[in-house]
Amino acid sequence: MAGIYIHVPFCKQACYYCNFHFSTSLKGKNAFLAALLKEIALQKDYLASEEVSTIYFGGGTPSLLTAGELNSILDQLHQHFSIQPAAEITLEANPDDINNEIIAHWKQTGINRLSIGVQSFFEEDLLWMHRAHTATQATACIQSVQDAGFNNLTIDLIYGTPTLPDENWHYNVQHAISLGIPHLSCYALTVEPQTALDTLIRKHKMQPVDPDAQARQFLLLMDWMQQAGYEHYEISNFAQPGMRSKHNSAYWQRKKYLGLGPSAHSFNGTERQWNIANNALYAQALEKDNIPFEKELLTPVQRVNEYIMTALRTSEGIDLSFTSAHFSTAVTQQLERESLRFISQGTLTNENGHLVLTREGKLLADGIAADLFLEEDM
């Protein structure tokens, strides 16, 4: 089974922390849509006839697309790919775009899962992040989509901002749980280079992020979600039983996926490729039936290290039987040796042949993964 990701590179306004590719001008939307439809046709063989089990509209802000535009994209996908009748089709949406009319249109197009960018239920946080919606809209939109029958939904929450004390973070999480939201994606605020937030902090116009506060709020989050019965199935993701994101899970399981649109990434098992992150150049290239992308053939060591990075973030961890079967016994033996010091430190466990992060280890996930990486000359 494979997945398809569509990057919609438009937003109403720029959130201060965002480093994804997008434009706040909709002038190029028609050219983008024409190019996207052509790219779908040109990429029809990328997944080698594998059945598509998930489609994900990300961005940017896909909820800026009309129902007609979404329909045209989905129709083109169905024309050129074999898509499961029960495929998970997710649309990222901002609260300020959601109303009863558009919700009804989404259901008609076949969208069956929503990912809502709430980030916080407090006005001061939303203003600090430069979000376009209000705290009132954050709650109201969730109730509206639930009333319309959207039970498969997730929301994003951000923690570790200077405006978010622990008691407000507790309210955000408990409020989401009380609303019956079956899936939460919770991210520590990251100050990415060359973002507006990075500039504002360097100019001392905004308070810097406190890593100790972020670590504390992450530990609190894990406790609250466990008490509420959610499974912590990936570092940033929590789900009620049976409500994991199928699309994102496929990324972490290294299944094939095709990325469409400016800046979108694709993976076919051995190669990664990524489209140009420029809307105008993307559209101009596809007018000439050219897909503007670069690609990289992954070395055996890169494939191992990518598996280590993605698998370690999940609740299943690194499967040593998988590494033996798909890489080599030597790779497995090295992982077993290198994991011993983390096991002795209490940040990693070996659970029936699976190297799994402990509660404390999840605070150090990236560093542990990097230390487990193989050297290219192995």
Protein backbone atom coordinates (compact mmCIF):
# COMPACT_ATOMS: atom_id res chain seq x y z
CA MET A 1 0.00 0.00 0.00
CA ALA A 2 1.23 3.49 -0.85
CA GLY A 3 0.33 7.08 -0.04
CA ILE A 4 -0.04 10.36 -1.93
CA TYR A 5 0.71 13.77 -0.45
CA ILE A 6 -0.46 17.01 -2.10
CA HIS A 7 1.24 20.23 -1.01
CA VAL A 8 -1.04 23.27 -1.30
CA PRO A 9 1.37 26.24 -1.04
CA PHE A 10 -0.95 29.07 0.01
CA CYS A 11 -1.84 30.70 3.34
CA LYS A 12 -3.88 33.74 4.38
CA GLN A 13 -1.04 34.99 6.54
CA ALA A 14 2.36 33.79 7.73
CA CYS A 15 2.61 32.24 11.18
CA TYR A 16 5.77 33.49 12.83
CA TYR A 17 7.20 30.02 13.51
CA CYS A 18 6.46 28.38 10.13
CA ASN A 19 9.26 27.30 7.78
CA PHE A 20 7.14 25.33 5.29
CA HIS A 21 6.91 26.52 1.70
CA PHE A 22 3.91 28.77 1.09
CA SER A 23 2.77 32.08 -0.40
CA THR A 24 0.35 34.56 1.15
CA SER A 25 -0.75 35.65 -2.34
CA LEU A 26 -3.40 33.59 -4.13
CA LYS A 27 -2.58 35.11 -7.52
CA GLY A 28 -0.82 31.95 -8.65
CA LYS A 29 -3.47 29.50 -7.47
CA ASN A 30 -4.98 28.78 -10.89
CA ALA A 31 -1.54 28.20 -12.42
CA PHE A 32 -0.66 25.93 -9.50
CA LEU A 33 -3.83 23.86 -9.94
CA ALA A 34 -3.24 23.43 -13.67
CA ALA A 35 0.34 22.36 -12.98
CA LEU A 36 -0.71 19.98 -10.22
CA LEU A 37 -3.22 18.20 -12.46
CA LYS A 38 -0.52 17.79 -15.10
CA GLU A 39 1.99 16.50 -12.53
CA ILE A 40 -0.52 13.87 -11.37
CA ALA A 41 -0.79 12.57 -14.94
CA LEU A 42 2.98 12.64 -15.49
CA GLN A 43 3.66 10.78 -12.22
CA LYS A 44 1.10 8.01 -12.78
CA ASP A 45 3.80 5.32 -12.85
CA TYR A 46 5.80 6.50 -9.83
CA LEU A 47 4.17 4.08 -7.39
CA ALA A 48 4.53 1.17 -9.80
CA SER A 49 0.80 0.33 -9.80
CA GLU A 50 0.68 -0.07 -6.01
CA GLU A 51 -2.74 0.56 -4.54
CA VAL A 52 -3.06 3.91 -2.78
CA SER A 53 -4.44 3.63 0.74
CA THR A 54 -4.00 7.24 1.92
CA ILE A 55 -4.23 10.72 0.41
CA TYR A 56 -3.16 13.76 2.40
CA PHE A 57 -3.77 17.41 1.52
CA GLY A 58 -1.14 19.42 3.40
CA GLY A 59 0.43 22.82 3.14
CA GLY A 60 0.21 25.67 3.41
CA THR A 61 -3.52 25.76 3.97
CA PRO A 62 -5.46 23.26 1.84
CA SER A 63 -8.75 24.51 3.32
CA LEU A 64 -8.32 27.55 1.05
CA LEU A 65 -9.24 25.32 -1.90
CA THR A 66 -12.85 25.30 -3.06
CA ALA A 67 -14.88 22.09 -3.19
CA GLY A 68 -14.66 22.22 -6.98
CA GLU A 69 -10.87 22.46 -6.86
CA LEU A 70 -10.63 19.56 -4.43
CA ASN A 71 -12.94 17.51 -6.65
CA SER A 72 -10.82 18.16 -9.73
CA ILE A 73 -7.69 17.00 -7.90
CA LEU A 74 -9.34 13.86 -6.54
CA ASP A 75 -10.89 13.04 -9.92
CA GLN A 76 -7.47 13.29 -11.54
CA LEU A 77 -5.95 11.04 -8.87
CA HIS A 78 -8.66 8.43 -9.39
CA GLN A 79 -8.09 8.57 -13.13
CA HIS A 80 -4.37 7.83 -12.90
CA PHE A 81 -3.96 5.75 -9.71
CA SER A 82 -5.60 2.71 -8.14
CA ILE A 83 -7.12 4.13 -4.97
CA GLN A 84 -8.68 1.95 -2.29
CA PRO A 85 -12.44 2.50 -1.88
CA ALA A 86 -11.88 3.00 1.87
CA ALA A 87 -8.75 5.13 1.50
CA GLU A 88 -8.04 7.59 4.31
CA ILE A 89 -8.29 11.08 2.76
CA THR A 90 -7.08 13.82 5.09
CA LEU A 91 -7.42 17.57 4.65
CA GLU A 92 -5.49 20.06 6.78
CA ALA A 93 -7.77 22.95 7.72
CA ASN A 94 -7.53 26.18 9.68
CA PRO A 95 -10.36 27.03 12.10
CA ASP A 96 -11.12 30.34 10.38
CA ASP A 97 -11.87 28.53 7.09
CA ILE A 98 -14.41 26.16 8.61
CA ASN A 99 -18.15 26.72 8.30
CA ASN A 100 -21.18 24.48 7.82
CA GLU A 101 -21.27 24.98 4.05
CA ILE A 102 -17.64 24.04 3.44
CA ILE A 103 -17.91 21.08 5.83
CA ALA A 104 -20.78 19.71 3.74
CA HIS A 105 -18.73 20.22 0.58
CA TRP A 106 -15.77 18.36 2.07
CA LYS A 107 -17.95 15.37 2.89
CA GLN A 108 -19.28 15.35 -0.68
CA THR A 109 -15.77 15.30 -2.14
CA GLY A 110 -14.84 12.20 -0.13
CA ILE A 111 -12.66 13.86 2.51
CA ASN A 112 -13.04 11.57 5.54
CA ARG A 113 -10.43 12.89 7.97
CA LEU A 114 -9.63 16.44 9.07
CA SER A 115 -6.45 17.80 10.60
CA ILE A 116 -7.24 21.13 12.24
CA GLY A 117 -4.48 23.59 13.07
CA VAL A 118 -5.75 24.76 16.46
CA GLN A 119 -2.33 25.23 18.17
CA SER A 120 -3.93 26.70 21.32
CA PHE A 121 -7.28 27.57 22.87
CA PHE A 122 -5.85 30.80 24.34
CA GLU A 123 -6.00 34.11 22.52
CA GLU A 124 -2.61 35.32 23.78
CA ASP A 125 -0.88 32.25 22.29
CA LEU A 126 -2.59 32.65 18.92
CA LEU A 127 -1.65 36.32 18.74
CA TRP A 128 1.94 35.53 19.71
CA MET A 129 2.14 32.90 16.92
CA HIS A 130 0.42 35.25 14.45
CA ARG A 131 -2.37 32.76 13.75
CA ALA A 132 -5.36 33.90 11.69
CA HIS A 133 -8.06 32.36 13.91
CA THR A 134 -9.38 33.19 17.38
CA ALA A 135 -9.70 31.05 20.48
CA THR A 136 -13.49 31.05 20.07
CA GLN A 137 -13.17 29.73 16.52
CA ALA A 138 -10.79 27.02 17.73
CA THR A 139 -13.49 25.36 19.83
CA ALA A 140 -16.47 26.20 17.62
CA CYS A 141 -14.99 24.65 14.49
CA ILE A 142 -14.35 21.34 16.25
CA GLN A 143 -17.93 21.15 17.43
CA SER A 144 -19.16 22.02 13.93
CA VAL A 145 -17.22 19.26 12.17
CA GLN A 146 -18.26 16.74 14.82
CA ASP A 147 -21.91 17.74 14.45
CA ALA A 148 -21.55 17.14 10.71
CA GLY A 149 -20.30 13.60 11.30
CA PHE A 150 -16.53 14.05 11.06
CA ASN A 151 -15.44 11.70 13.83
CA ASN A 152 -12.02 10.94 12.40
CA LEU A 153 -10.15 14.15 13.17
CA THR A 154 -6.97 15.38 14.73
CA ILE A 155 -5.83 18.74 15.98
CA ASP A 156 -2.37 20.27 16.35
CA LEU A 157 -1.29 21.81 19.65
CA ILE A 158 1.96 23.68 20.30
CA TYR A 159 3.67 23.76 23.69
CA GLY A 160 6.77 25.41 25.06
CA THR A 161 5.95 28.97 24.01
CA PRO A 162 6.80 31.84 26.39
CA THR A 163 3.07 32.68 26.58
CA LEU A 164 2.01 29.21 27.77
CA PRO A 165 2.27 28.49 31.53
CA ASP A 166 1.78 24.90 32.67
CA GLU A 167 -1.79 25.53 33.83
CA ASN A 168 -2.77 26.81 30.37
CA TRP A 169 -1.03 23.85 28.73
CA HIS A 170 -3.03 21.56 31.01
CA TYR A 171 -6.24 23.31 29.94
CA ASN A 172 -5.38 22.97 26.23
CA VAL A 173 -4.82 19.23 26.53
CA GLN A 174 -7.80 18.56 28.81
CA HIS A 175 -10.08 20.69 26.67
CA ALA A 176 -9.11 18.68 23.58
CA ILE A 177 -9.77 15.44 25.46
CA SER A 178 -13.13 16.73 26.74
CA LEU A 179 -14.17 17.53 23.17
CA GLY A 180 -13.72 13.87 22.28
CA ILE A 181 -10.94 14.45 19.75
CA PRO A 182 -9.53 10.99 18.94
CA HIS A 183 -6.07 12.09 17.80
CA LEU A 184 -3.69 14.84 18.90
CA SER A 185 -0.43 15.99 17.33
CA CYS A 186 1.54 17.99 19.90
CA TYR A 187 4.73 19.81 18.98
CA ALA A 188 7.34 21.69 20.97
CA LEU A 189 7.79 25.12 19.43
CA THR A 190 10.90 25.07 17.27
CA VAL A 191 12.65 28.28 16.27
CA GLU A 192 13.65 27.53 12.68
CA PRO A 193 16.34 29.65 11.00
CA GLN A 194 15.14 32.48 8.75
CA THR A 195 11.59 32.43 10.10
CA ALA A 196 9.92 35.58 11.38
CA LEU A 197 10.13 34.14 14.91
CA ASP A 198 13.88 33.64 14.59
CA THR A 199 14.30 37.26 13.49
CA LEU A 200 12.08 38.63 16.26
CA ILE A 201 13.94 36.69 18.95
CA ARG A 202 17.35 37.76 17.65
CA LYS A 203 16.16 41.39 17.68
CA HIS A 204 14.96 40.89 21.28
CA LYS A 205 11.38 41.69 20.26
CA MET A 206 10.19 38.30 21.50
CA GLN A 207 11.20 36.17 24.44
CA PRO A 208 13.32 33.12 23.52
CA VAL A 209 12.12 29.56 24.04
CA ASP A 210 12.98 27.87 27.35
CA PRO A 211 14.09 24.26 26.64
CA ASP A 212 13.58 23.26 30.28
CA ALA A 213 9.96 24.43 30.15
CA GLN A 214 9.47 22.52 26.91
CA ALA A 215 10.84 19.32 28.42
CA ARG A 216 8.63 19.72 31.49
CA GLN A 217 5.51 20.30 29.39
CA PHE A 218 6.32 17.27 27.23
CA LEU A 219 6.61 15.04 30.31
CA LEU A 220 3.32 16.42 31.63
CA LEU A 221 1.71 15.79 28.24
CA MET A 222 2.75 12.14 28.25
CA ASP A 223 1.25 11.65 31.72
CA TRP A 224 -2.06 13.35 30.85
CA MET A 225 -2.52 11.45 27.60
CA GLN A 226 -1.75 8.11 29.23
CA GLN A 227 -4.27 8.82 31.97
CA ALA A 228 -6.87 9.64 29.30
CA GLY A 229 -6.31 6.31 27.53
CA TYR A 230 -4.48 7.57 24.44
CA GLU A 231 -1.57 5.60 23.02
CA HIS A 232 1.65 7.53 22.49
CA TYR A 233 2.44 5.87 19.18
CA GLU A 234 4.95 8.42 17.86
CA ILE A 235 6.96 11.14 19.61
CA SER A 236 4.50 13.91 18.72
CA ASN A 237 1.33 11.86 18.17
CA PHE A 238 -1.32 10.44 20.48
CA ALA A 239 -4.37 8.43 19.45
CA GLN A 240 -7.30 6.63 20.94
CA PRO A 241 -7.15 2.90 20.09
CA GLY A 242 -7.70 2.37 16.38
CA MET A 243 -7.40 6.09 15.50
CA ARG A 244 -3.78 6.39 14.42
CA SER A 245 -3.01 8.43 11.30
CA LYS A 246 -2.62 5.83 8.55
CA HIS A 247 -0.87 8.29 6.26
CA ASN A 248 1.77 9.45 8.73
CA SER A 249 2.24 5.92 10.03
CA ALA A 250 3.18 4.89 6.50
CA TYR A 251 5.98 7.50 6.53
CA TRP A 252 7.38 6.06 9.73
CA GLN A 253 7.10 2.53 8.33
CA ARG A 254 9.02 3.65 5.22
CA LYS A 255 6.27 2.76 2.77
CA LYS A 256 6.24 4.33 -0.68
CA TYR A 257 4.63 7.70 -1.17
CA LEU A 258 4.32 10.26 -3.94
CA GLY A 259 4.53 13.96 -3.16
CA LEU A 260 2.82 16.38 -5.54
CA GLY A 261 3.10 20.17 -5.66
CA PRO A 262 5.90 22.66 -4.97
CA SER A 263 8.41 21.44 -2.34
CA ALA A 264 6.69 18.05 -1.98
CA HIS A 265 8.90 15.01 -1.28
CA SER A 266 8.53 11.47 -2.64
CA PHE A 267 10.03 8.10 -1.68
CA ASN A 268 9.94 4.87 -3.71
CA GLY A 269 11.94 2.63 -1.42
CA THR A 270 15.40 3.37 -2.79
CA GLU A 271 15.28 7.02 -3.93
CA ARG A 272 14.04 10.28 -2.51
CA GLN A 273 13.04 13.19 -4.69
CA TRP A 274 11.72 16.65 -3.99
CA ASN A 275 10.04 19.28 -6.13
CA ILE A 276 11.29 22.82 -6.48
CA ALA A 277 10.05 25.13 -3.68
CA ASN A 278 8.94 27.92 -5.98
CA ASN A 279 5.34 28.22 -7.17
CA ALA A 280 6.04 30.14 -10.38
CA LEU A 281 8.93 27.94 -11.51
CA TYR A 282 6.93 24.82 -10.65
CA ALA A 283 4.03 25.98 -12.84
CA GLN A 284 6.29 27.13 -15.68
CA ALA A 285 8.11 23.80 -15.82
CA LEU A 286 4.91 21.78 -15.92
CA GLU A 287 3.54 23.94 -18.73
CA LYS A 288 6.33 22.27 -20.73
CA ASP A 289 5.53 18.81 -19.32
CA ASN A 290 8.63 18.87 -17.09
CA ILE A 291 8.54 18.03 -13.38
CA PRO A 292 11.07 20.31 -11.63
CA PHE A 293 12.63 17.99 -9.06
CA GLU A 294 15.92 16.77 -7.69
CA LYS A 295 16.52 13.24 -6.50
CA GLU A 296 18.93 11.24 -4.41
CA LEU A 297 19.69 7.53 -4.59
CA LEU A 298 20.00 6.38 -0.99
CA THR A 299 23.08 4.37 -0.06
CA PRO A 300 22.63 1.20 2.03
CA VAL A 301 23.87 3.10 5.10
CA GLN A 302 21.46 5.97 4.47
CA ARG A 303 18.57 3.51 4.26
CA VAL A 304 19.57 1.99 7.60
CA ASN A 305 19.93 5.40 9.25
CA GLU A 306 16.57 6.58 7.93
CA TYR A 307 14.99 3.46 9.40
CA ILE A 308 16.69 4.12 12.75
CA MET A 309 15.47 7.74 12.81
CA THR A 310 11.85 6.96 11.93
CA ALA A 311 11.40 3.70 13.81
CA LEU A 312 12.91 5.00 17.04
CA ARG A 313 10.23 7.73 17.15
CA THR A 314 7.45 5.13 17.26
CA SER A 315 6.08 3.04 20.10
CA GLU A 316 7.20 -0.13 18.29
CA GLY A 317 10.78 1.09 18.13
CA ILE A 318 13.60 -0.44 16.07
CA ASP A 319 12.70 -4.01 15.12
CA LEU A 320 15.95 -5.98 15.18
CA SER A 321 14.41 -8.85 13.21
CA PHE A 322 13.53 -6.29 10.50
CA THR A 323 17.10 -4.96 10.39
CA SER A 324 18.45 -8.51 10.02
CA ALA A 325 15.99 -9.37 7.26
CA HIS A 326 16.22 -6.12 5.29
CA PHE A 327 19.78 -4.96 5.99
CA SER A 328 22.21 -7.46 7.53
CA THR A 329 23.09 -9.39 10.67
CA ALA A 330 26.11 -7.11 11.07
CA VAL A 331 23.82 -4.06 11.23
CA THR A 332 21.69 -5.73 13.89
CA GLN A 333 24.73 -6.71 15.95
CA GLN A 334 26.06 -3.14 15.86
CA LEU A 335 22.70 -1.75 16.95
CA GLU A 336 22.59 -4.21 19.84
CA ARG A 337 26.10 -3.17 20.94
CA GLU A 338 25.51 0.58 20.59
CA SER A 339 22.17 0.39 22.42
CA LEU A 340 23.70 -1.06 25.60
CA ARG A 341 24.86 2.28 27.01
CA PHE A 342 21.46 3.85 26.48
CA ILE A 343 19.80 0.84 28.11
CA SER A 344 22.14 1.21 31.10
CA GLN A 345 21.26 4.94 31.27
CA GLY A 346 17.54 4.15 31.32
CA THR A 347 16.72 5.94 28.05
CA LEU A 348 16.24 2.83 25.92
CA THR A 349 14.90 -0.69 26.45
CA ASN A 350 15.16 -3.90 24.47
CA GLU A 351 11.62 -5.27 24.50
CA ASN A 352 11.56 -8.68 22.80
CA GLY A 353 13.98 -7.58 20.11
CA HIS A 354 12.62 -4.04 19.74
CA LEU A 355 14.73 -1.08 20.82
CA VAL A 356 12.19 1.30 22.37
CA LEU A 357 12.67 4.72 23.96
CA THR A 358 11.73 5.08 27.61
CA ARG A 359 9.74 8.04 28.90
CA GLU A 360 12.97 9.92 29.62
CA GLY A 361 14.51 8.71 26.37
CA LYS A 362 11.78 10.43 24.37
CA LEU A 363 13.27 13.74 25.48
CA LEU A 364 16.52 12.74 23.77
CA ALA A 365 15.16 10.90 20.72
CA ASP A 366 17.10 12.73 18.01
CA GLY A 367 20.39 12.52 19.87
CA ILE A 368 20.01 8.80 20.60
CA ALA A 369 19.13 8.12 16.97
CA ALA A 370 22.17 10.07 15.79
CA ASP A 371 24.42 8.06 18.11
CA LEU A 372 22.98 4.81 16.73
CA PHE A 373 23.59 5.84 13.11
CA LEU A 374 25.98 3.79 11.04
CA GLU A 375 29.06 5.36 9.51
CA GLU A 376 29.07 5.51 5.71
CA ASP A 377 32.22 3.38 5.45
CA MET A 378 30.75 0.44 7.36
